[in-house]
Amino acid sequence: MTVHELSRADARRIAVRAQLLGSSRPTELLDVARQLTLLRIGLVTAIAPSSDLVAWSRLGSSYAPTELDTALETGR
């Protein structure tokens, strides 16, 4: 078995990209959900629902919470 070693910087870079927090942002909510494989829908909110915070941090100002509501209603 081959053991691969990563520097901290490489591990951090991979983690940031895997969470879609790198420089290139997805443009669609469904792309975010597919890549992350899970978008937790929280019913308790302090500032905003966690699902909206996650989607907004990946999509930026182009994200509208109504997109998520519509996706949930249609089962997408």
N, C-alpha and C. Protein backbone atom coordinates (compact mmCIF):
# COMPACT_ATOMS: atom_id res chain seq x y z
N MET A 1 0.85 -1.18 0.00
CA MET A 1 0.00 0.00 0.00
C MET A 1 0.89 1.23 0.00
N THR A 2 0.54 2.20 -0.83
CA THR A 2 1.28 3.45 -0.92
C THR A 2 0.68 4.48 0.02
N VAL A 3 1.52 5.12 0.79
CA VAL A 3 1.07 6.16 1.70
C VAL A 3 1.37 7.52 1.05
N HIS A 4 0.34 8.33 0.95
CA HIS A 4 0.50 9.66 0.37
C HIS A 4 0.58 10.67 1.50
N GLU A 5 1.50 11.57 1.41
CA GLU A 5 1.63 12.61 2.43
C GLU A 5 1.28 13.96 1.82
N LEU A 6 0.52 14.73 2.57
CA LEU A 6 0.14 16.08 2.14
C LEU A 6 0.70 17.09 3.12
N SER A 7 1.07 18.22 2.59
CA SER A 7 1.44 19.31 3.49
C SER A 7 0.15 19.90 4.06
N ARG A 8 0.26 20.67 5.10
CA ARG A 8 -0.94 21.32 5.65
C ARG A 8 -1.58 22.23 4.62
N ALA A 9 -0.76 22.93 3.88
CA ALA A 9 -1.29 23.85 2.86
C ALA A 9 -2.07 23.09 1.79
N ASP A 10 -1.54 21.94 1.34
CA ASP A 10 -2.25 21.14 0.34
C ASP A 10 -3.54 20.57 0.91
N ALA A 11 -3.51 20.08 2.13
CA ALA A 11 -4.72 19.54 2.76
C ALA A 11 -5.78 20.63 2.91
N ARG A 12 -5.35 21.81 3.31
CA ARG A 12 -6.28 22.93 3.46
C ARG A 12 -6.88 23.31 2.10
N ARG A 13 -6.05 23.35 1.06
CA ARG A 13 -6.51 23.71 -0.28
C ARG A 13 -7.55 22.69 -0.77
N ILE A 14 -7.30 21.41 -0.55
CA ILE A 14 -8.23 20.37 -0.97
C ILE A 14 -9.55 20.50 -0.21
N ALA A 15 -9.48 20.73 1.09
CA ALA A 15 -10.69 20.86 1.91
C ALA A 15 -11.52 22.07 1.48
N VAL A 16 -10.87 23.18 1.22
CA VAL A 16 -11.58 24.40 0.80
C VAL A 16 -12.27 24.17 -0.54
N ARG A 17 -11.58 23.56 -1.49
CA ARG A 17 -12.19 23.28 -2.80
C ARG A 17 -13.34 22.29 -2.69
N ALA A 18 -13.18 21.26 -1.86
CA ALA A 18 -14.24 20.25 -1.72
C ALA A 18 -15.51 20.84 -1.13
N GLN A 19 -15.36 21.88 -0.31
CA GLN A 19 -16.53 22.53 0.29
C GLN A 19 -17.04 23.69 -0.55
N LEU A 20 -16.49 23.81 -1.77
CA LEU A 20 -16.90 24.85 -2.73
C LEU A 20 -16.67 26.26 -2.20
N LEU A 21 -15.60 26.44 -1.43
CA LEU A 21 -15.30 27.76 -0.87
C LEU A 21 -14.08 28.39 -1.56
N GLY A 22 -13.68 27.85 -2.70
CA GLY A 22 -12.53 28.37 -3.43
C GLY A 22 -12.92 29.57 -4.27
N SER A 23 -12.04 29.96 -5.16
CA SER A 23 -12.25 31.16 -5.96
C SER A 23 -13.34 30.99 -7.02
N SER A 24 -13.48 29.79 -7.59
CA SER A 24 -14.54 29.60 -8.59
C SER A 24 -15.80 29.09 -7.90
N ARG A 25 -16.85 29.87 -8.01
CA ARG A 25 -18.10 29.54 -7.34
C ARG A 25 -19.06 28.84 -8.29
N PRO A 26 -19.86 27.90 -7.77
CA PRO A 26 -20.92 27.33 -8.61
C PRO A 26 -21.96 28.42 -8.88
N THR A 27 -22.76 28.21 -9.89
CA THR A 27 -23.76 29.23 -10.24
C THR A 27 -25.18 28.80 -9.92
N GLU A 28 -25.38 27.53 -9.60
CA GLU A 28 -26.72 27.01 -9.35
C GLU A 28 -26.80 26.31 -8.00
N LEU A 29 -27.93 26.47 -7.33
CA LEU A 29 -28.16 25.84 -6.03
C LEU A 29 -28.07 24.32 -6.14
N LEU A 30 -28.64 23.74 -7.19
CA LEU A 30 -28.61 22.28 -7.32
C LEU A 30 -27.19 21.76 -7.50
N ASP A 31 -26.33 22.55 -8.14
CA ASP A 31 -24.92 22.16 -8.27
C ASP A 31 -24.26 22.09 -6.90
N VAL A 32 -24.59 23.04 -6.03
CA VAL A 32 -24.05 23.05 -4.66
C VAL A 32 -24.52 21.80 -3.92
N ALA A 33 -25.81 21.52 -3.97
CA ALA A 33 -26.35 20.36 -3.25
C ALA A 33 -25.76 19.06 -3.78
N ARG A 34 -25.59 18.96 -5.09
CA ARG A 34 -25.01 17.73 -5.65
C ARG A 34 -23.56 17.55 -5.22
N GLN A 35 -22.80 18.62 -5.24
CA GLN A 35 -21.38 18.53 -4.88
C GLN A 35 -21.20 18.23 -3.39
N LEU A 36 -21.96 18.90 -2.54
CA LEU A 36 -21.83 18.70 -1.09
C LEU A 36 -22.52 17.41 -0.65
N THR A 37 -23.43 16.90 -1.42
CA THR A 37 -24.25 15.71 -1.18
C THR A 37 -25.22 15.86 -0.01
N LEU A 38 -25.10 16.92 0.75
CA LEU A 38 -26.01 17.14 1.87
C LEU A 38 -26.10 18.64 2.12
N LEU A 39 -27.31 19.12 2.22
CA LEU A 39 -27.56 20.50 2.60
C LEU A 39 -28.57 20.43 3.73
N ARG A 40 -28.09 20.60 4.94
CA ARG A 40 -28.93 20.42 6.13
C ARG A 40 -29.98 21.52 6.22
N ILE A 41 -31.22 21.11 6.39
CA ILE A 41 -32.32 22.04 6.56
C ILE A 41 -32.58 22.16 8.06
N GLY A 42 -32.26 23.33 8.61
CA GLY A 42 -32.44 23.55 10.03
C GLY A 42 -33.69 24.36 10.31
N LEU A 43 -34.44 23.96 11.30
CA LEU A 43 -35.66 24.68 11.63
C LEU A 43 -35.42 25.77 12.68
N VAL A 44 -34.29 25.70 13.37
CA VAL A 44 -33.95 26.71 14.37
C VAL A 44 -32.97 27.69 13.73
N THR A 45 -33.29 28.97 13.79
CA THR A 45 -32.42 29.95 13.15
C THR A 45 -32.09 31.08 14.11
N ALA A 46 -30.83 31.44 14.16
CA ALA A 46 -30.41 32.61 14.94
C ALA A 46 -30.35 33.82 14.02
N ILE A 47 -29.66 33.66 12.90
CA ILE A 47 -29.56 34.74 11.92
C ILE A 47 -30.34 34.38 10.67
N ALA A 48 -30.08 33.19 10.18
CA ALA A 48 -30.76 32.64 9.00
C ALA A 48 -30.65 31.12 9.10
N PRO A 49 -31.52 30.41 8.42
CA PRO A 49 -31.40 28.95 8.44
C PRO A 49 -30.03 28.52 7.94
N SER A 50 -29.49 27.46 8.54
CA SER A 50 -28.14 27.02 8.16
C SER A 50 -28.07 26.67 6.68
N SER A 51 -29.13 26.12 6.12
CA SER A 51 -29.12 25.79 4.69
C SER A 51 -28.95 27.04 3.84
N ASP A 52 -29.58 28.15 4.24
CA ASP A 52 -29.41 29.41 3.50
C ASP A 52 -27.99 29.95 3.66
N LEU A 53 -27.43 29.82 4.85
CA LEU A 53 -26.05 30.31 5.06
C LEU A 53 -25.05 29.52 4.24
N VAL A 54 -25.24 28.19 4.18
CA VAL A 54 -24.33 27.35 3.40
C VAL A 54 -24.46 27.69 1.91
N ALA A 55 -25.69 27.75 1.42
CA ALA A 55 -25.90 28.05 0.00
C ALA A 55 -25.37 29.44 -0.35
N TRP A 56 -25.63 30.43 0.50
CA TRP A 56 -25.17 31.79 0.22
C TRP A 56 -23.65 31.87 0.23
N SER A 57 -23.00 31.14 1.15
CA SER A 57 -21.54 31.20 1.20
C SER A 57 -20.91 30.57 -0.04
N ARG A 58 -21.62 29.68 -0.72
CA ARG A 58 -21.09 29.07 -1.94
C ARG A 58 -21.49 29.85 -3.18
N LEU A 59 -22.70 30.37 -3.22
CA LEU A 59 -23.21 31.03 -4.43
C LEU A 59 -23.09 32.54 -4.40
N GLY A 60 -22.96 33.12 -3.22
CA GLY A 60 -22.85 34.57 -3.11
C GLY A 60 -24.19 35.25 -3.26
N SER A 61 -24.16 36.48 -3.69
CA SER A 61 -25.37 37.29 -3.76
C SER A 61 -26.36 36.82 -4.82
N SER A 62 -25.95 35.89 -5.68
CA SER A 62 -26.89 35.38 -6.68
C SER A 62 -27.89 34.39 -6.07
N TYR A 63 -27.62 33.93 -4.83
CA TYR A 63 -28.52 32.98 -4.18
C TYR A 63 -29.74 33.69 -3.61
N ALA A 64 -30.90 33.10 -3.86
CA ALA A 64 -32.15 33.59 -3.28
C ALA A 64 -32.78 32.44 -2.49
N PRO A 65 -33.13 32.66 -1.22
CA PRO A 65 -33.73 31.58 -0.41
C PRO A 65 -34.95 30.93 -1.05
N THR A 66 -35.65 31.66 -1.89
CA THR A 66 -36.82 31.07 -2.56
C THR A 66 -36.43 29.92 -3.48
N GLU A 67 -35.17 29.93 -3.98
CA GLU A 67 -34.68 28.83 -4.82
C GLU A 67 -34.72 27.51 -4.04
N LEU A 68 -34.27 27.55 -2.79
CA LEU A 68 -34.24 26.36 -1.96
C LEU A 68 -35.66 25.91 -1.64
N ASP A 69 -36.53 26.85 -1.32
CA ASP A 69 -37.93 26.51 -1.05
C ASP A 69 -38.56 25.81 -2.25
N THR A 70 -38.32 26.35 -3.44
CA THR A 70 -38.86 25.77 -4.67
C THR A 70 -38.28 24.38 -4.92
N ALA A 71 -36.97 24.23 -4.72
CA ALA A 71 -36.32 22.92 -4.92
C ALA A 71 -36.89 21.87 -3.97
N LEU A 72 -37.14 22.27 -2.72
CA LEU A 72 -37.70 21.33 -1.75
C LEU A 72 -39.14 20.95 -2.11
N GLU A 73 -39.92 21.95 -2.52
CA GLU A 73 -41.31 21.69 -2.88
C GLU A 73 -41.43 20.77 -4.08
N THR A 74 -40.53 20.92 -5.04
CA THR A 74 -40.60 20.11 -6.26
C THR A 74 -39.84 18.81 -6.13
N GLY A 75 -39.13 18.63 -5.02
CA GLY A 75 -38.39 17.38 -4.81
C GLY A 75 -37.10 17.29 -5.59
N ARG A 76 -36.60 18.40 -6.07
CA ARG A 76 -35.35 18.40 -6.84
C ARG A 76 -34.18 18.34 -5.91
